[in-house]
PDB file of all heavy atoms in Angstrom:
ATOM      1  N   GLN A   1    -170.868 -21.979 -32.496  1.00  0.00           N
ATOM      2  CA  GLN A   1    -169.388 -21.828 -32.598  1.00  0.00           C
ATOM      3  C   GLN A   1    -168.788 -21.558 -31.260  1.00  0.00           C
ATOM      4  O   GLN A   1    -167.678 -22.150 -30.889  1.00  0.00           O
ATOM      5  CB  GLN A   1    -169.002 -20.824 -33.594  1.00  0.00           C
ATOM      6  CG  GLN A   1    -169.441 -21.007 -35.045  1.00  0.00           C
ATOM      7  CD  GLN A   1    -168.919 -22.339 -35.585  1.00  0.00           C
ATOM      8  OE1 GLN A   1    -167.744 -22.774 -35.293  1.00  0.00           O
ATOM      9  NE2 GLN A   1    -169.737 -22.997 -36.490  1.00  0.00           N
ATOM     10  N   LEU A   2    -169.485 -20.737 -30.436  1.00  0.00           N
ATOM     11  CA  LEU A   2    -168.960 -20.388 -29.119  1.00  0.00           C
ATOM     12  C   LEU A   2    -168.966 -21.668 -28.185  1.00  0.00           C
ATOM     13  O   LEU A   2    -168.026 -21.991 -27.474  1.00  0.00           O
ATOM     14  CB  LEU A   2    -169.794 -19.227 -28.488  1.00  0.00           C
ATOM     15  CG  LEU A   2    -169.149 -18.633 -27.219  1.00  0.00           C
ATOM     16  CD1 LEU A   2    -167.864 -17.952 -27.536  1.00  0.00           C
ATOM     17  CD2 LEU A   2    -170.199 -17.683 -26.651  1.00  0.00           C
ATOM     18  N   GLY A   3    -170.052 -22.449 -28.309  1.00  0.00           N
ATOM     19  CA  GLY A   3    -170.209 -23.655 -27.536  1.00  0.00           C
ATOM     20  C   GLY A   3    -169.146 -24.759 -27.923  1.00  0.00           C
ATOM     21  O   GLY A   3    -168.611 -25.407 -27.109  1.00  0.00           O
ATOM     22  N   LYS A   4    -168.790 -24.719 -29.237  1.00  0.00           N
ATOM     23  CA  LYS A   4    -167.673 -25.648 -29.668  1.00  0.00           C
ATOM     24  C   LYS A   4    -166.340 -25.192 -29.031  1.00  0.00           C
ATOM     25  O   LYS A   4    -165.554 -26.046 -28.692  1.00  0.00           O
ATOM     26  CB  LYS A   4    -167.582 -25.579 -31.185  1.00  0.00           C
ATOM     27  CG  LYS A   4    -168.797 -26.325 -31.924  1.00  0.00           C
ATOM     28  CD  LYS A   4    -168.636 -26.292 -33.339  1.00  0.00           C
ATOM     29  CE  LYS A   4    -167.462 -27.226 -33.925  1.00  0.00           C
ATOM     30  NZ  LYS A   4    -167.426 -27.251 -35.324  1.00  0.00           N
ATOM     31  N   ILE A   5    -166.087 -23.858 -28.849  1.00  0.00           N
ATOM     32  CA  ILE A   5    -164.843 -23.440 -28.226  1.00  0.00           C
ATOM     33  C   ILE A   5    -164.790 -23.944 -26.748  1.00  0.00           C
ATOM     34  O   ILE A   5    -163.824 -24.422 -26.323  1.00  0.00           O
ATOM     35  CB  ILE A   5    -164.867 -21.869 -28.275  1.00  0.00           C
ATOM     36  CG1 ILE A   5    -164.489 -21.421 -29.762  1.00  0.00           C
ATOM     37  CG2 ILE A   5    -163.768 -21.415 -27.390  1.00  0.00           C
ATOM     38  CD1 ILE A   5    -164.591 -19.835 -29.884  1.00  0.00           C
ATOM     39  N   LEU A   6    -165.981 -23.818 -26.123  1.00  0.00           N
ATOM     40  CA  LEU A   6    -165.993 -24.248 -24.692  1.00  0.00           C
ATOM     41  C   LEU A   6    -165.839 -25.725 -24.603  1.00  0.00           C
ATOM     42  O   LEU A   6    -165.117 -26.271 -23.746  1.00  0.00           O
ATOM     43  CB  LEU A   6    -167.337 -23.809 -24.089  1.00  0.00           C
ATOM     44  CG  LEU A   6    -167.443 -24.228 -22.586  1.00  0.00           C
ATOM     45  CD1 LEU A   6    -166.327 -23.643 -21.739  1.00  0.00           C
ATOM     46  CD2 LEU A   6    -168.836 -23.799 -22.073  1.00  0.00           C
ATOM     47  N   VAL A   7    -166.463 -26.546 -25.452  1.00  0.00           N
ATOM     48  CA  VAL A   7    -166.350 -28.026 -25.436  1.00  0.00           C
ATOM     49  C   VAL A   7    -164.952 -28.449 -25.518  1.00  0.00           C
ATOM     50  O   VAL A   7    -164.459 -29.251 -24.854  1.00  0.00           O
ATOM     51  CB  VAL A   7    -167.259 -28.637 -26.558  1.00  0.00           C
ATOM     52  CG1 VAL A   7    -166.890 -30.064 -26.762  1.00  0.00           C
ATOM     53  CG2 VAL A   7    -168.751 -28.585 -26.219  1.00  0.00           C
ATOM     54  N   GLU A   8    -164.281 -27.790 -26.551  1.00  0.00           N
ATOM     55  CA  GLU A   8    -162.897 -28.170 -26.830  1.00  0.00           C
ATOM     56  C   GLU A   8    -161.999 -27.845 -25.570  1.00  0.00           C
ATOM     57  O   GLU A   8    -161.066 -28.610 -25.256  1.00  0.00           O
ATOM     58  CB  GLU A   8    -162.271 -27.340 -28.023  1.00  0.00           C
ATOM     59  CG  GLU A   8    -162.964 -27.879 -29.370  1.00  0.00           C
ATOM     60  CD  GLU A   8    -162.486 -26.968 -30.611  1.00  0.00           C
ATOM     61  OE1 GLU A   8    -161.589 -26.161 -30.322  1.00  0.00           O
ATOM     62  OE2 GLU A   8    -162.973 -27.244 -31.645  1.00  0.00           O
ATOM     63  N   GLU A   9    -162.302 -26.724 -24.930  1.00  0.00           N
ATOM     64  CA  GLU A   9    -161.475 -26.317 -23.676  1.00  0.00           C
ATOM     65  C   GLU A   9    -161.787 -27.325 -22.571  1.00  0.00           C
ATOM     66  O   GLU A   9    -160.777 -27.714 -21.862  1.00  0.00           O
ATOM     67  CB  GLU A   9    -161.808 -24.942 -23.315  1.00  0.00           C
ATOM     68  CG  GLU A   9    -161.013 -24.348 -22.151  1.00  0.00           C
ATOM     69  CD  GLU A   9    -159.514 -24.211 -22.514  1.00  0.00           C
ATOM     70  OE1 GLU A   9    -159.153 -24.063 -23.718  1.00  0.00           O
ATOM     71  OE2 GLU A   9    -158.693 -24.308 -21.524  1.00  0.00           O
ATOM     72  N   LEU A  10    -162.987 -27.689 -22.381  1.00  0.00           N
ATOM     73  CA  LEU A  10    -163.304 -28.633 -21.319  1.00  0.00           C
ATOM     74  C   LEU A  10    -162.750 -29.994 -21.586  1.00  0.00           C
ATOM     75  O   LEU A  10    -162.161 -30.625 -20.648  1.00  0.00           O
ATOM     76  CB  LEU A  10    -164.846 -28.802 -21.217  1.00  0.00           C
ATOM     77  CG  LEU A  10    -165.598 -27.594 -20.668  1.00  0.00           C
ATOM     78  CD1 LEU A  10    -167.091 -27.749 -20.750  1.00  0.00           C
ATOM     79  CD2 LEU A  10    -165.242 -27.311 -19.213  1.00  0.00           C
ATOM     80  N   GLN A  11    -162.746 -30.459 -22.718  1.00  0.00           N
ATOM     81  CA  GLN A  11    -162.140 -31.698 -23.092  1.00  0.00           C
ATOM     82  C   GLN A  11    -160.657 -31.703 -23.009  1.00  0.00           C
ATOM     83  O   GLN A  11    -160.048 -32.679 -22.502  1.00  0.00           O
ATOM     84  CB  GLN A  11    -162.516 -32.058 -24.624  1.00  0.00           C
ATOM     85  CG  GLN A  11    -163.977 -32.426 -24.806  1.00  0.00           C
ATOM     86  CD  GLN A  11    -164.355 -32.642 -26.280  1.00  0.00           C
ATOM     87  OE1 GLN A  11    -163.646 -32.220 -27.176  1.00  0.00           O
ATOM     88  NE2 GLN A  11    -165.470 -33.332 -26.520  1.00  0.00           N
ATOM     89  N   ALA A  12    -160.014 -30.564 -23.381  1.00  0.00           N
ATOM     90  CA  ALA A  12    -158.543 -30.472 -23.234  1.00  0.00           C
ATOM     91  C   ALA A  12    -158.149 -30.518 -21.743  1.00  0.00           C
ATOM     92  O   ALA A  12    -157.073 -30.926 -21.478  1.00  0.00           O
ATOM     93  CB  ALA A  12    -158.156 -29.158 -23.883  1.00  0.00           C
ATOM     94  N   ARG A  13    -159.009 -30.040 -20.894  1.00  0.00           N
ATOM     95  CA  ARG A  13    -158.707 -30.043 -19.451  1.00  0.00           C
ATOM     96  C   ARG A  13    -159.165 -31.403 -18.744  1.00  0.00           C
ATOM     97  O   ARG A  13    -158.918 -31.465 -17.522  1.00  0.00           O
ATOM     98  CB  ARG A  13    -159.413 -28.884 -18.729  1.00  0.00           C
ATOM     99  CG  ARG A  13    -158.827 -27.511 -19.153  1.00  0.00           C
ATOM    100  CD  ARG A  13    -159.651 -26.389 -18.612  1.00  0.00           C
ATOM    101  NE  ARG A  13    -159.077 -25.053 -18.908  1.00  0.00           N
ATOM    102  CZ  ARG A  13    -158.465 -24.248 -18.047  1.00  0.00           C
ATOM    103  NH1 ARG A  13    -158.357 -24.665 -16.749  1.00  0.00           N
ATOM    104  NH2 ARG A  13    -158.067 -23.134 -18.412  1.00  0.00           N
ATOM    105  N   GLY A  14    -159.715 -32.191 -19.446  1.00  0.00           N
ATOM    106  CA  GLY A  14    -160.248 -33.457 -18.955  1.00  0.00           C
ATOM    107  C   GLY A  14    -161.468 -33.229 -18.033  1.00  0.00           C
ATOM    108  O   GLY A  14    -161.751 -34.001 -17.116  1.00  0.00           O
ATOM    109  N   TRP A  15    -162.258 -32.240 -18.363  1.00  0.00           N
ATOM    110  CA  TRP A  15    -163.449 -31.837 -17.565  1.00  0.00           C
ATOM    111  C   TRP A  15    -164.750 -32.264 -18.268  1.00  0.00           C
ATOM    112  O   TRP A  15    -165.820 -31.587 -17.979  1.00  0.00           O
ATOM    113  CB  TRP A  15    -163.465 -30.330 -17.252  1.00  0.00           C
ATOM    114  CG  TRP A  15    -162.321 -29.977 -16.358  1.00  0.00           C
ATOM    115  CD1 TRP A  15    -161.455 -30.722 -15.662  1.00  0.00           C
ATOM    116  CD2 TRP A  15    -161.998 -28.580 -15.933  1.00  0.00           C
ATOM    117  NE1 TRP A  15    -160.617 -29.983 -15.005  1.00  0.00           N
ATOM    118  CE2 TRP A  15    -160.950 -28.678 -15.082  1.00  0.00           C
ATOM    119  CE3 TRP A  15    -162.512 -27.369 -16.293  1.00  0.00           C
ATOM    120  CZ2 TRP A  15    -160.317 -27.495 -14.571  1.00  0.00           C
ATOM    121  CZ3 TRP A  15    -161.939 -26.201 -15.754  1.00  0.00           C
ATOM    122  CH2 TRP A  15    -160.869 -26.315 -14.904  1.00  0.00           C
ATOM    123  N   SER A  16    -164.801 -33.133 -19.160  1.00  0.00           N
ATOM    124  CA  SER A  16    -165.893 -33.463 -19.926  1.00  0.00           C
ATOM    125  C   SER A  16    -167.129 -33.914 -19.145  1.00  0.00           C
ATOM    126  O   SER A  16    -168.289 -33.928 -19.580  1.00  0.00           O
ATOM    127  CB  SER A  16    -165.629 -34.590 -21.002  1.00  0.00           C
ATOM    128  OG  SER A  16    -164.586 -34.044 -21.869  1.00  0.00           O
ATOM    129  N   ASP A  17    -166.848 -34.391 -17.874  1.00  0.00           N
ATOM    130  CA  ASP A  17    -167.923 -34.924 -17.077  1.00  0.00           C
ATOM    131  C   ASP A  17    -168.569 -33.739 -16.214  1.00  0.00           C
ATOM    132  O   ASP A  17    -169.498 -33.951 -15.430  1.00  0.00           O
ATOM    133  CB  ASP A  17    -167.448 -35.975 -16.117  1.00  0.00           C
ATOM    134  CG  ASP A  17    -166.232 -35.538 -15.294  1.00  0.00           C
ATOM    135  OD1 ASP A  17    -165.690 -34.468 -15.612  1.00  0.00           O
ATOM    136  OD2 ASP A  17    -165.897 -36.243 -14.310  1.00  0.00           O
ATOM    137  N   GLY A  18    -168.017 -32.502 -16.386  1.00  0.00           N
ATOM    138  CA  GLY A  18    -168.574 -31.382 -15.663  1.00  0.00           C
ATOM    139  C   GLY A  18    -169.784 -30.755 -16.247  1.00  0.00           C
ATOM    140  O   GLY A  18    -170.142 -31.057 -17.426  1.00  0.00           O
ATOM    141  N   ARG A  19    -170.491 -29.918 -15.555  1.00  0.00           N
ATOM    142  CA  ARG A  19    -171.659 -29.216 -16.054  1.00  0.00           C
ATOM    143  C   ARG A  19    -171.414 -27.789 -16.380  1.00  0.00           C
ATOM    144  O   ARG A  19    -170.519 -27.157 -15.902  1.00  0.00           O
ATOM    145  CB  ARG A  19    -172.816 -29.333 -15.075  1.00  0.00           C
ATOM    146  CG  ARG A  19    -173.392 -30.666 -14.842  1.00  0.00           C
ATOM    147  CD  ARG A  19    -174.498 -30.753 -13.893  1.00  0.00           C
ATOM    148  NE  ARG A  19    -174.935 -32.123 -13.623  1.00  0.00           N
ATOM    149  CZ  ARG A  19    -175.828 -32.654 -14.346  1.00  0.00           C
ATOM    150  NH1 ARG A  19    -176.424 -32.084 -15.360  1.00  0.00           N
ATOM    151  NH2 ARG A  19    -176.222 -33.996 -14.136  1.00  0.00           N
ATOM    152  N   VAL A  20    -172.247 -27.180 -17.273  1.00  0.00           N
ATOM    153  CA  VAL A  20    -172.198 -25.799 -17.664  1.00  0.00           C
ATOM    154  C   VAL A  20    -173.508 -25.092 -17.242  1.00  0.00           C
ATOM    155  O   VAL A  20    -174.541 -25.516 -17.584  1.00  0.00           O
ATOM    156  CB  VAL A  20    -172.024 -25.639 -19.170  1.00  0.00           C
ATOM    157  CG1 VAL A  20    -171.941 -24.221 -19.533  1.00  0.00           C
ATOM    158  CG2 VAL A  20    -170.742 -26.385 -19.681  1.00  0.00           C
ATOM    159  N   GLY A  21    -173.422 -24.040 -16.405  1.00  0.00           N
ATOM    160  CA  GLY A  21    -174.469 -23.229 -16.032  1.00  0.00           C
ATOM    161  C   GLY A  21    -174.735 -22.062 -16.974  1.00  0.00           C
ATOM    162  O   GLY A  21    -173.744 -21.553 -17.547  1.00  0.00           O
ATOM    163  N   ILE A  22    -175.947 -21.644 -17.228  1.00  0.00           N
ATOM    164  CA  ILE A  22    -176.291 -20.640 -18.137  1.00  0.00           C
ATOM    165  C   ILE A  22    -176.981 -19.479 -17.410  1.00  0.00           C
ATOM    166  O   ILE A  22    -178.006 -19.662 -16.797  1.00  0.00           O
ATOM    167  CB  ILE A  22    -177.072 -21.159 -19.270  1.00  0.00           C
ATOM    168  CG1 ILE A  22    -176.380 -22.340 -19.978  1.00  0.00           C
ATOM    169  CG2 ILE A  22    -177.436 -20.044 -20.245  1.00  0.00           C
ATOM    170  CD1 ILE A  22    -177.231 -23.063 -21.068  1.00  0.00           C
ATOM    171  N   ILE A  23    -176.496 -18.312 -17.587  1.00  0.00           N
ATOM    172  CA  ILE A  23    -177.086 -17.029 -17.184  1.00  0.00           C
ATOM    173  C   ILE A  23    -177.516 -16.322 -18.418  1.00  0.00           C
ATOM    174  O   ILE A  23    -176.703 -15.722 -19.151  1.00  0.00           O
ATOM    175  CB  ILE A  23    -176.217 -16.242 -16.289  1.00  0.00           C
ATOM    176  CG1 ILE A  23    -175.722 -16.976 -15.032  1.00  0.00           C
ATOM    177  CG2 ILE A  23    -176.953 -14.884 -15.932  1.00  0.00           C
ATOM    178  CD1 ILE A  23    -174.676 -16.183 -14.224  1.00  0.00           C
ATOM    179  N   ALA A  24    -178.823 -16.367 -18.815  1.00  0.00           N
ATOM    180  CA  ALA A  24    -179.292 -16.038 -20.069  1.00  0.00           C
ATOM    181  C   ALA A  24    -179.993 -14.591 -20.122  1.00  0.00           C
ATOM    182  O   ALA A  24    -180.478 -14.190 -19.096  1.00  0.00           O
ATOM    183  CB  ALA A  24    -180.295 -17.083 -20.575  1.00  0.00           C
ATOM    184  N   ILE A  25    -180.072 -14.086 -21.314  1.00  0.00           N
ATOM    185  CA  ILE A  25    -180.959 -12.891 -21.499  1.00  0.00           C
ATOM    186  C   ILE A  25    -182.320 -13.523 -21.548  1.00  0.00           C
ATOM    187  O   ILE A  25    -182.614 -14.741 -21.689  1.00  0.00           O
ATOM    188  CB  ILE A  25    -180.446 -12.143 -22.807  1.00  0.00           C
ATOM    189  CG1 ILE A  25    -180.745 -13.039 -24.022  1.00  0.00           C
ATOM    190  CG2 ILE A  25    -179.212 -11.646 -22.735  1.00  0.00           C
ATOM    191  CD1 ILE A  25    -180.441 -12.294 -25.322  1.00  0.00           C
ATOM    192  N   PRO A  26    -183.354 -12.637 -21.457  1.00  0.00           N
ATOM    193  CA  PRO A  26    -184.753 -13.125 -21.410  1.00  0.00           C
ATOM    194  C   PRO A  26    -185.057 -14.015 -22.637  1.00  0.00           C
ATOM    195  O   PRO A  26    -184.694 -13.679 -23.734  1.00  0.00           O
ATOM    196  CB  PRO A  26    -185.579 -11.840 -21.466  1.00  0.00           C
ATOM    197  CG  PRO A  26    -184.784 -10.847 -20.849  1.00  0.00           C
ATOM    198  CD  PRO A  26    -183.312 -11.189 -21.296  1.00  0.00           C
ATOM    199  N   GLN A  27    -185.607 -15.175 -22.355  1.00  0.00           N
ATOM    200  CA  GLN A  27    -185.937 -16.111 -23.471  1.00  0.00           C
ATOM    201  C   GLN A  27    -187.118 -15.750 -24.264  1.00  0.00           C
ATOM    202  O   GLN A  27    -187.523 -16.494 -25.219  1.00  0.00           O
ATOM    203  CB  GLN A  27    -185.911 -17.557 -22.892  1.00  0.00           C
ATOM    204  CG  GLN A  27    -184.684 -18.009 -22.289  1.00  0.00           C
ATOM    205  CD  GLN A  27    -183.510 -18.142 -23.307  1.00  0.00           C
ATOM    206  OE1 GLN A  27    -183.484 -19.046 -24.137  1.00  0.00           O
ATOM    207  NE2 GLN A  27    -182.618 -17.142 -23.253  1.00  0.00           N
ATOM    208  N   ARG A  28    -187.851 -14.737 -23.780  1.00  0.00           N
ATOM    209  CA  ARG A  28    -189.044 -14.309 -24.669  1.00  0.00           C
ATOM    210  C   ARG A  28    -188.415 -13.480 -25.849  1.00  0.00           C
ATOM    211  O   ARG A  28    -189.269 -13.229 -26.810  1.00  0.00           O
ATOM    212  CB  ARG A  28    -189.987 -13.416 -23.749  1.00  0.00           C
ATOM    213  CG  ARG A  28    -189.338 -12.096 -23.339  1.00  0.00           C
ATOM    214  CD  ARG A  28    -190.364 -11.285 -22.504  1.00  0.00           C
ATOM    215  NE  ARG A  28    -189.710 -10.036 -21.982  1.00  0.00           N
ATOM    216  CZ  ARG A  28    -189.061  -9.944 -20.867  1.00  0.00           C
ATOM    217  NH1 ARG A  28    -188.932 -10.992 -20.134  1.00  0.00           N
ATOM    218  NH2 ARG A  28    -188.624  -8.740 -20.517  1.00  0.00           N
ATOM    219  N   ARG A  29    -187.192 -13.169 -25.822  1.00  0.00           N
ATOM    220  CA  ARG A  29    -186.554 -12.440 -26.920  1.00  0.00           C
ATOM    221  C   ARG A  29    -186.207 -13.573 -27.920  1.00  0.00           C
ATOM    222  O   ARG A  29    -185.577 -14.603 -27.554  1.00  0.00           O
ATOM    223  CB  ARG A  29    -185.314 -11.682 -26.576  1.00  0.00           C
ATOM    224  CG  ARG A  29    -185.513 -10.475 -25.693  1.00  0.00           C
ATOM    225  CD  ARG A  29    -184.162  -9.825 -25.371  1.00  0.00           C
ATOM    226  NE  ARG A  29    -184.410  -8.629 -24.599  1.00  0.00           N
ATOM    227  CZ  ARG A  29    -183.351  -7.824 -24.203  1.00  0.00           C
ATOM    228  NH1 ARG A  29    -182.116  -8.199 -24.537  1.00  0.00           N
ATOM    229  NH2 ARG A  29    -183.502  -6.789 -23.541  1.00  0.00           N
ATOM    230  N   LYS A  30    -186.406 -13.306 -29.208  1.00  0.00           N
ATOM    231  CA  LYS A  30    -186.048 -14.188 -30.209  1.00  0.00           C
ATOM    232  C   LYS A  30    -184.530 -14.536 -30.235  1.00  0.00           C
ATOM    233  O   LYS A  30    -184.113 -15.685 -30.365  1.00  0.00           O
ATOM    234  CB  LYS A  30    -186.490 -13.682 -31.585  1.00  0.00           C
ATOM    235  CG  LYS A  30    -186.198 -14.636 -32.772  1.00  0.00           C
ATOM    236  CD  LYS A  30    -186.697 -13.952 -34.091  1.00  0.00           C
ATOM    237  CE  LYS A  30    -186.365 -14.859 -35.251  1.00  0.00           C
ATOM    238  NZ  LYS A  30    -186.655 -14.214 -36.491  1.00  0.00           N
ATOM    239  N   ASN A  31    -183.731 -13.480 -30.042  1.00  0.00           N
ATOM    240  CA  ASN A  31    -182.261 -13.668 -30.065  1.00  0.00           C
ATOM    241  C   ASN A  31    -181.809 -14.486 -28.892  1.00  0.00           C
ATOM    242  O   ASN A  31    -180.807 -15.312 -29.020  1.00  0.00           O
ATOM    243  CB  ASN A  31    -181.531 -12.374 -30.103  1.00  0.00           C
ATOM    244  CG  ASN A  31    -181.842 -11.434 -28.943  1.00  0.00           C
ATOM    245  OD1 ASN A  31    -182.793 -11.635 -28.191  1.00  0.00           O
ATOM    246  ND2 ASN A  31    -180.911 -10.495 -28.672  1.00  0.00           N
ATOM    247  N   GLY A  32    -182.460 -14.406 -27.783  1.00  0.00           N
ATOM    248  CA  GLY A  32    -182.136 -15.269 -26.574  1.00  0.00           C
ATOM    249  C   GLY A  32    -182.409 -16.729 -26.913  1.00  0.00           C
ATOM    250  O   GLY A  32    -181.634 -17.563 -26.580  1.00  0.00           O
ATOM    251  N   LYS A  33    -183.536 -16.995 -27.480  1.00  0.00           N
ATOM    252  CA  LYS A  33    -183.911 -18.372 -27.845  1.00  0.00           C
ATOM    253  C   LYS A  33    -182.844 -18.955 -28.754  1.00  0.00           C
ATOM    254  O   LYS A  33    -182.449 -20.141 -28.665  1.00  0.00           O
ATOM    255  CB  LYS A  33    -185.258 -18.443 -28.448  1.00  0.00           C
ATOM    256  CG  LYS A  33    -186.394 -18.104 -27.488  1.00  0.00           C
ATOM    257  CD  LYS A  33    -187.709 -18.199 -28.164  1.00  0.00           C
ATOM    258  CE  LYS A  33    -188.872 -17.840 -27.251  1.00  0.00           C
ATOM    259  NZ  LYS A  33    -190.268 -17.747 -28.001  1.00  0.00           N
ATOM    260  N   LEU A  34    -182.521 -18.188 -29.773  1.00  0.00           N
ATOM    261  CA  LEU A  34    -181.569 -18.690 -30.786  1.00  0.00           C
ATOM    262  C   LEU A  34    -180.186 -18.970 -30.179  1.00  0.00           C
ATOM    263  O   LEU A  34    -179.465 -19.965 -30.485  1.00  0.00           O
ATOM    264  CB  LEU A  34    -181.426 -17.696 -31.887  1.00  0.00           C
ATOM    265  CG  LEU A  34    -182.661 -17.546 -32.801  1.00  0.00           C
ATOM    266  CD1 LEU A  34    -182.476 -16.390 -33.781  1.00  0.00           C
ATOM    267  CD2 LEU A  34    -182.853 -18.961 -33.582  1.00  0.00           C
ATOM    268  N   ARG A  35    -179.752 -18.057 -29.198  1.00  0.00           N
ATOM    269  CA  ARG A  35    -178.471 -18.266 -28.591  1.00  0.00           C
ATOM    270  C   ARG A  35    -178.409 -19.511 -27.762  1.00  0.00           C
ATOM    271  O   ARG A  35    -177.474 -20.280 -27.838  1.00  0.00           O
ATOM    272  CB  ARG A  35    -178.124 -17.061 -27.663  1.00  0.00           C
ATOM    273  CG  ARG A  35    -177.698 -15.763 -28.397  1.00  0.00           C
ATOM    274  CD  ARG A  35    -177.500 -14.667 -27.468  1.00  0.00           C
ATOM    275  NE  ARG A  35    -177.525 -13.363 -28.130  1.00  0.00           N
ATOM    276  CZ  ARG A  35    -177.343 -12.201 -27.480  1.00  0.00           C
ATOM    277  NH1 ARG A  35    -177.120 -12.131 -26.241  1.00  0.00           N
ATOM    278  NH2 ARG A  35    -177.452 -11.132 -28.226  1.00  0.00           N
ATOM    279  N   THR A  36    -179.541 -19.766 -27.039  1.00  0.00           N
ATOM    280  CA  THR A  36    -179.598 -20.983 -26.195  1.00  0.00           C
ATOM    281  C   THR A  36    -179.618 -22.167 -27.081  1.00  0.00           C
ATOM    282  O   THR A  36    -178.882 -23.181 -26.775  1.00  0.00           O
ATOM    283  CB  THR A  36    -180.915 -20.919 -25.366  1.00  0.00           C
ATOM    284  OG1 THR A  36    -180.780 -19.736 -24.452  1.00  0.00           O
ATOM    285  CG2 THR A  36    -181.009 -22.117 -24.508  1.00  0.00           C
ATOM    286  N   SER A  37    -180.378 -22.152 -28.150  1.00  0.00           N
ATOM    287  CA  SER A  37    -180.526 -23.276 -29.056  1.00  0.00           C
ATOM    288  C   SER A  37    -179.164 -23.679 -29.675  1.00  0.00           C
ATOM    289  O   SER A  37    -178.724 -24.864 -29.637  1.00  0.00           O
ATOM    290  CB  SER A  37    -181.483 -23.042 -30.156  1.00  0.00           C
ATOM    291  OG  SER A  37    -181.549 -24.058 -31.120  1.00  0.00           O
ATOM    292  N   GLY A  38    -178.456 -22.694 -30.144  1.00  0.00           N
ATOM    293  CA  GLY A  38    -177.152 -23.029 -30.807  1.00  0.00           C
ATOM    294  C   GLY A  38    -176.055 -23.589 -29.840  1.00  0.00           C
ATOM    295  O   GLY A  38    -175.384 -24.421 -30.110  1.00  0.00           O
ATOM    296  N   PHE A  39    -176.072 -22.946 -28.690  1.00  0.00           N
ATOM    297  CA  PHE A  39    -175.061 -23.307 -27.611  1.00  0.00           C
ATOM    298  C   PHE A  39    -175.320 -24.721 -27.167  1.00  0.00           C
ATOM    299  O   PHE A  39    -174.443 -25.456 -27.038  1.00  0.00           O
ATOM    300  CB  PHE A  39    -175.154 -22.316 -26.500  1.00  0.00           C
ATOM    301  CG  PHE A  39    -174.063 -22.428 -25.536  1.00  0.00           C
ATOM    302  CD1 PHE A  39    -172.757 -21.835 -25.746  1.00  0.00           C
ATOM    303  CD2 PHE A  39    -174.223 -22.979 -24.257  1.00  0.00           C
ATOM    304  CE1 PHE A  39    -171.743 -21.959 -24.873  1.00  0.00           C
ATOM    305  CE2 PHE A  39    -173.167 -23.145 -23.297  1.00  0.00           C
ATOM    306  CZ  PHE A  39    -171.946 -22.583 -23.651  1.00  0.00           C
ATOM    307  N   LEU A  40    -176.614 -24.966 -26.831  1.00  0.00           N
ATOM    308  CA  LEU A  40    -176.939 -26.309 -26.368  1.00  0.00           C
ATOM    309  C   LEU A  40    -176.666 -27.451 -27.416  1.00  0.00           C
ATOM    310  O   LEU A  40    -176.264 -28.531 -26.996  1.00  0.00           O
ATOM    311  CB  LEU A  40    -178.418 -26.347 -25.949  1.00  0.00           C
ATOM    312  CG  LEU A  40    -178.797 -25.540 -24.766  1.00  0.00           C
ATOM    313  CD1 LEU A  40    -180.277 -25.715 -24.384  1.00  0.00           C
ATOM    314  CD2 LEU A  40    -177.990 -25.947 -23.475  1.00  0.00           C
ATOM    315  N   GLN A  41    -176.862 -27.108 -28.657  1.00  0.00           N
ATOM    316  CA  GLN A  41    -176.548 -28.042 -29.739  1.00  0.00           C
ATOM    317  C   GLN A  41    -175.087 -28.432 -29.667  1.00  0.00           C
ATOM    318  O   GLN A  41    -174.711 -29.642 -29.733  1.00  0.00           O
ATOM    319  CB  GLN A  41    -176.838 -27.446 -31.082  1.00  0.00           C
ATOM    320  CG  GLN A  41    -176.614 -28.403 -32.245  1.00  0.00           C
ATOM    321  CD  GLN A  41    -176.803 -27.818 -33.614  1.00  0.00           C
ATOM    322  OE1 GLN A  41    -177.401 -26.768 -33.758  1.00  0.00           O
ATOM    323  NE2 GLN A  41    -176.280 -28.479 -34.660  1.00  0.00           N
ATOM    324  N   ALA A  42    -174.163 -27.372 -29.518  1.00  0.00           N
ATOM    325  CA  ALA A  42    -172.749 -27.676 -29.424  1.00  0.00           C
ATOM    326  C   ALA A  42    -172.371 -28.551 -28.261  1.00  0.00           C
ATOM    327  O   ALA A  42    -171.595 -29.424 -28.257  1.00  0.00           O
ATOM    328  CB  ALA A  42    -171.960 -26.413 -29.419  1.00  0.00           C
ATOM    329  N   LEU A  43    -173.006 -28.187 -27.069  1.00  0.00           N
ATOM    330  CA  LEU A  43    -172.700 -28.987 -25.857  1.00  0.00           C
ATOM    331  C   LEU A  43    -173.161 -30.364 -25.987  1.00  0.00           C
ATOM    332  O   LEU A  43    -172.541 -31.337 -25.564  1.00  0.00           O
ATOM    333  CB  LEU A  43    -173.394 -28.323 -24.641  1.00  0.00           C
ATOM    334  CG  LEU A  43    -172.941 -26.958 -24.222  1.00  0.00           C
ATOM    335  CD1 LEU A  43    -173.473 -26.651 -22.840  1.00  0.00           C
ATOM    336  CD2 LEU A  43    -171.383 -26.829 -24.161  1.00  0.00           C
TER     337      LEU A  43
END
């Protein structure tokens, strides 16, 4: 859902061709993997 908010904002600004960088919590954590998976799906 958070990723969808960002996508809508980027599209509204005409920045759909830009990239998104991610500063993540450790991906060995289950919650970290789930956050990355959900966000990337929206993007």
